[in-house]
Each structure stands twice: as structure tokens, then as C-alpha cells.
């Protein structure tokens, strides 16, 4: 789910501007297992992916020997 915002139009929603990171270089990452991970891009943008489901795995990433 993408954050629903507070009544802003889609054009105003910074959280929907995913095109700003498509094709960009990932400079670093951080893992907050088992709930989330973040990717930091060369442009300065950060994408954080959250798993908020208690029933299902929403994603699986294995950086080294850490599973998220």
C-alpha cells in the first residue's frame, strides 16, 4: 500500500513520485528486520518498504545472511 496522504492531489503527493528513483543508483541500504528496509539513492531520495501484515510475508529480501 502506498501512503494515502492527507487530501493532496496525486500531482502534489511526494510519496507517489516513484519515477524520481527509477533507474537511479542505490548508494546504500539499511535493514530494520523484520519490519522494513530502506534504499537510499544517489539523488538523496530514500525508499522505505514496510511489512505491516501479521498474517503474510509482504516481501522477502536477503542482504547477506539477514532475512527481512
N, C-alpha and C. Protein backbone atom coordinates (compact mmCIF):
# COMPACT_ATOMS: atom_id res chain seq x y z
N UNK A 1 0.84 -1.18 0.00
CA UNK A 1 0.00 0.00 0.00
C UNK A 1 0.88 1.23 0.00
N UNK A 2 0.58 2.17 -0.84
CA UNK A 2 1.28 3.45 -0.85
C UNK A 2 0.53 4.39 0.07
N UNK A 3 1.28 5.12 0.89
CA UNK A 3 0.69 6.06 1.84
C UNK A 3 -0.42 6.88 1.18
N UNK A 4 -1.56 6.97 1.84
CA UNK A 4 -2.72 7.62 1.25
C UNK A 4 -2.73 9.13 1.35
N UNK A 5 -1.88 9.73 2.16
CA UNK A 5 -1.79 11.19 2.23
C UNK A 5 -2.95 11.84 2.94
N UNK A 6 -2.96 13.17 2.92
CA UNK A 6 -3.98 13.94 3.64
C UNK A 6 -4.74 14.86 2.69
N UNK A 7 -5.39 14.29 1.69
CA UNK A 7 -6.23 15.08 0.79
C UNK A 7 -5.47 15.77 -0.33
N UNK A 8 -4.17 15.51 -0.48
CA UNK A 8 -3.40 16.12 -1.55
C UNK A 8 -3.76 15.44 -2.87
N UNK A 9 -3.64 16.19 -3.96
CA UNK A 9 -3.83 15.57 -5.26
C UNK A 9 -2.62 14.70 -5.57
N UNK A 10 -2.78 13.80 -6.52
CA UNK A 10 -1.67 12.90 -6.88
C UNK A 10 -0.45 13.70 -7.33
N UNK A 11 -0.64 14.76 -8.08
CA UNK A 11 0.49 15.58 -8.55
C UNK A 11 1.25 16.21 -7.39
N UNK A 12 0.57 16.46 -6.27
CA UNK A 12 1.20 17.09 -5.11
C UNK A 12 1.84 16.08 -4.17
N UNK A 13 1.55 14.83 -4.35
CA UNK A 13 1.98 13.78 -3.42
C UNK A 13 3.41 13.37 -3.67
N UNK A 14 4.31 13.77 -2.82
CA UNK A 14 5.72 13.40 -2.95
C UNK A 14 5.89 11.88 -2.88
N UNK A 15 5.05 11.18 -2.09
CA UNK A 15 5.19 9.74 -1.94
C UNK A 15 4.85 8.97 -3.22
N UNK A 16 4.21 9.62 -4.19
CA UNK A 16 3.86 8.94 -5.43
C UNK A 16 4.84 9.25 -6.56
N UNK A 17 5.90 9.94 -6.26
CA UNK A 17 6.86 10.34 -7.28
C UNK A 17 7.95 9.28 -7.45
N UNK A 18 7.53 8.04 -7.62
CA UNK A 18 8.47 6.93 -7.75
C UNK A 18 9.35 7.05 -8.99
N UNK A 19 8.88 7.78 -10.00
CA UNK A 19 9.68 7.95 -11.22
C UNK A 19 11.00 8.65 -10.93
N UNK A 20 11.10 9.34 -9.81
CA UNK A 20 12.34 10.05 -9.46
C UNK A 20 13.47 9.08 -9.10
N UNK A 21 13.14 7.83 -8.76
CA UNK A 21 14.18 6.88 -8.38
C UNK A 21 14.38 5.75 -9.39
N UNK A 22 13.47 5.64 -10.36
CA UNK A 22 13.60 4.59 -11.37
C UNK A 22 14.88 4.82 -12.17
N UNK A 23 15.71 3.80 -12.23
CA UNK A 23 16.96 3.88 -12.98
C UNK A 23 18.10 4.55 -12.24
N UNK A 24 17.86 5.01 -11.01
CA UNK A 24 18.90 5.67 -10.22
C UNK A 24 19.74 4.63 -9.49
N UNK A 25 20.94 5.01 -9.14
CA UNK A 25 21.87 4.13 -8.43
C UNK A 25 21.54 4.08 -6.95
N UNK A 26 21.48 2.86 -6.40
CA UNK A 26 21.30 2.69 -4.96
C UNK A 26 22.67 2.90 -4.32
N UNK A 27 22.75 3.89 -3.44
CA UNK A 27 24.01 4.23 -2.78
C UNK A 27 24.21 3.43 -1.49
N UNK A 28 23.10 3.16 -0.79
CA UNK A 28 23.20 2.42 0.46
C UNK A 28 21.85 1.82 0.80
N UNK A 29 21.85 0.94 1.79
CA UNK A 29 20.61 0.34 2.26
C UNK A 29 20.70 0.18 3.77
N UNK A 30 19.55 0.06 4.40
CA UNK A 30 19.51 -0.27 5.82
C UNK A 30 18.36 -1.25 6.03
N UNK A 31 18.54 -2.14 6.97
CA UNK A 31 17.55 -3.17 7.26
C UNK A 31 17.11 -3.01 8.70
N UNK A 32 15.81 -2.97 8.90
CA UNK A 32 15.22 -2.95 10.23
C UNK A 32 14.36 -4.20 10.35
N UNK A 33 15.04 -5.35 10.40
CA UNK A 33 14.35 -6.64 10.42
C UNK A 33 13.55 -6.80 11.70
N UNK A 34 12.38 -7.37 11.64
CA UNK A 34 11.73 -7.97 10.48
C UNK A 34 10.69 -7.06 9.85
N UNK A 35 10.73 -5.76 10.12
CA UNK A 35 9.64 -4.88 9.71
C UNK A 35 9.84 -4.07 8.43
N UNK A 36 11.08 -3.69 8.12
CA UNK A 36 11.27 -2.82 6.97
C UNK A 36 12.71 -2.84 6.47
N UNK A 37 12.88 -2.29 5.28
CA UNK A 37 14.21 -1.99 4.77
C UNK A 37 14.12 -0.70 3.97
N UNK A 38 15.24 0.00 3.84
CA UNK A 38 15.28 1.27 3.11
C UNK A 38 16.41 1.24 2.10
N UNK A 39 16.15 1.87 0.96
CA UNK A 39 17.16 2.05 -0.08
C UNK A 39 17.39 3.54 -0.23
N UNK A 40 18.66 3.97 -0.17
CA UNK A 40 19.00 5.37 -0.36
C UNK A 40 19.66 5.51 -1.73
N UNK A 41 19.16 6.44 -2.53
CA UNK A 41 19.61 6.63 -3.90
C UNK A 41 20.58 7.80 -3.99
N UNK A 42 21.36 7.82 -5.06
CA UNK A 42 22.33 8.87 -5.28
C UNK A 42 21.70 10.25 -5.34
N UNK A 43 20.44 10.32 -5.69
CA UNK A 43 19.72 11.60 -5.77
C UNK A 43 19.38 12.16 -4.39
N UNK A 44 19.57 11.34 -3.34
CA UNK A 44 19.21 11.77 -1.99
C UNK A 44 17.85 11.24 -1.54
N UNK A 45 17.08 10.65 -2.46
CA UNK A 45 15.78 10.08 -2.11
C UNK A 45 15.97 8.76 -1.38
N UNK A 46 15.03 8.45 -0.48
CA UNK A 46 15.03 7.19 0.24
C UNK A 46 13.68 6.51 0.04
N UNK A 47 13.72 5.22 -0.29
CA UNK A 47 12.51 4.42 -0.42
C UNK A 47 12.51 3.42 0.72
N UNK A 48 11.48 3.46 1.56
CA UNK A 48 11.37 2.52 2.68
C UNK A 48 10.18 1.61 2.42
N UNK A 49 10.42 0.31 2.53
CA UNK A 49 9.40 -0.71 2.32
C UNK A 49 9.06 -1.31 3.69
N UNK A 50 7.78 -1.27 4.05
CA UNK A 50 7.31 -1.78 5.34
C UNK A 50 6.50 -3.06 5.15
N UNK A 51 6.64 -3.99 6.06
CA UNK A 51 5.80 -5.18 6.13
C UNK A 51 4.91 -5.00 7.34
N UNK A 52 3.65 -4.66 7.12
CA UNK A 52 2.74 -4.43 8.25
C UNK A 52 1.70 -5.54 8.39
N UNK A 53 1.92 -6.66 7.70
CA UNK A 53 0.99 -7.77 7.77
C UNK A 53 1.47 -8.79 8.80
N UNK A 54 0.61 -9.14 9.72
CA UNK A 54 0.93 -10.17 10.71
C UNK A 54 0.62 -11.57 10.16
N UNK A 55 -0.22 -11.64 9.10
CA UNK A 55 -0.62 -12.93 8.54
C UNK A 55 0.31 -13.42 7.44
N UNK A 56 0.82 -12.49 6.62
CA UNK A 56 1.57 -12.88 5.43
C UNK A 56 2.89 -12.14 5.36
N UNK A 57 3.83 -12.74 4.65
CA UNK A 57 5.06 -12.03 4.34
C UNK A 57 4.76 -11.10 3.18
N UNK A 58 5.03 -9.83 3.36
CA UNK A 58 4.77 -8.86 2.30
C UNK A 58 5.94 -8.76 1.34
N UNK A 59 7.12 -9.10 1.81
CA UNK A 59 8.30 -9.07 0.97
C UNK A 59 9.37 -9.95 1.60
N UNK A 60 10.35 -10.28 0.80
CA UNK A 60 11.50 -11.04 1.30
C UNK A 60 12.75 -10.53 0.62
N UNK A 61 13.73 -10.13 1.40
CA UNK A 61 14.99 -9.63 0.89
C UNK A 61 16.09 -10.30 1.69
N UNK A 62 17.14 -10.71 1.03
CA UNK A 62 18.23 -11.34 1.75
C UNK A 62 19.54 -10.63 1.44
N UNK A 63 19.86 -9.56 2.20
CA UNK A 63 21.19 -8.96 2.04
C UNK A 63 22.17 -9.71 2.95
N UNK A 64 23.01 -10.55 2.36
CA UNK A 64 23.90 -11.38 3.18
C UNK A 64 23.11 -12.45 3.88
N UNK A 65 23.26 -12.55 5.19
CA UNK A 65 22.51 -13.58 5.94
C UNK A 65 21.42 -12.97 6.81
N UNK A 66 20.85 -11.82 6.39
CA UNK A 66 19.75 -11.19 7.11
C UNK A 66 18.50 -11.31 6.23
N UNK A 67 17.47 -11.94 6.75
CA UNK A 67 16.20 -12.02 6.03
C UNK A 67 15.25 -10.96 6.58
N UNK A 68 14.57 -10.25 5.68
CA UNK A 68 13.55 -9.28 6.06
C UNK A 68 12.22 -9.85 5.67
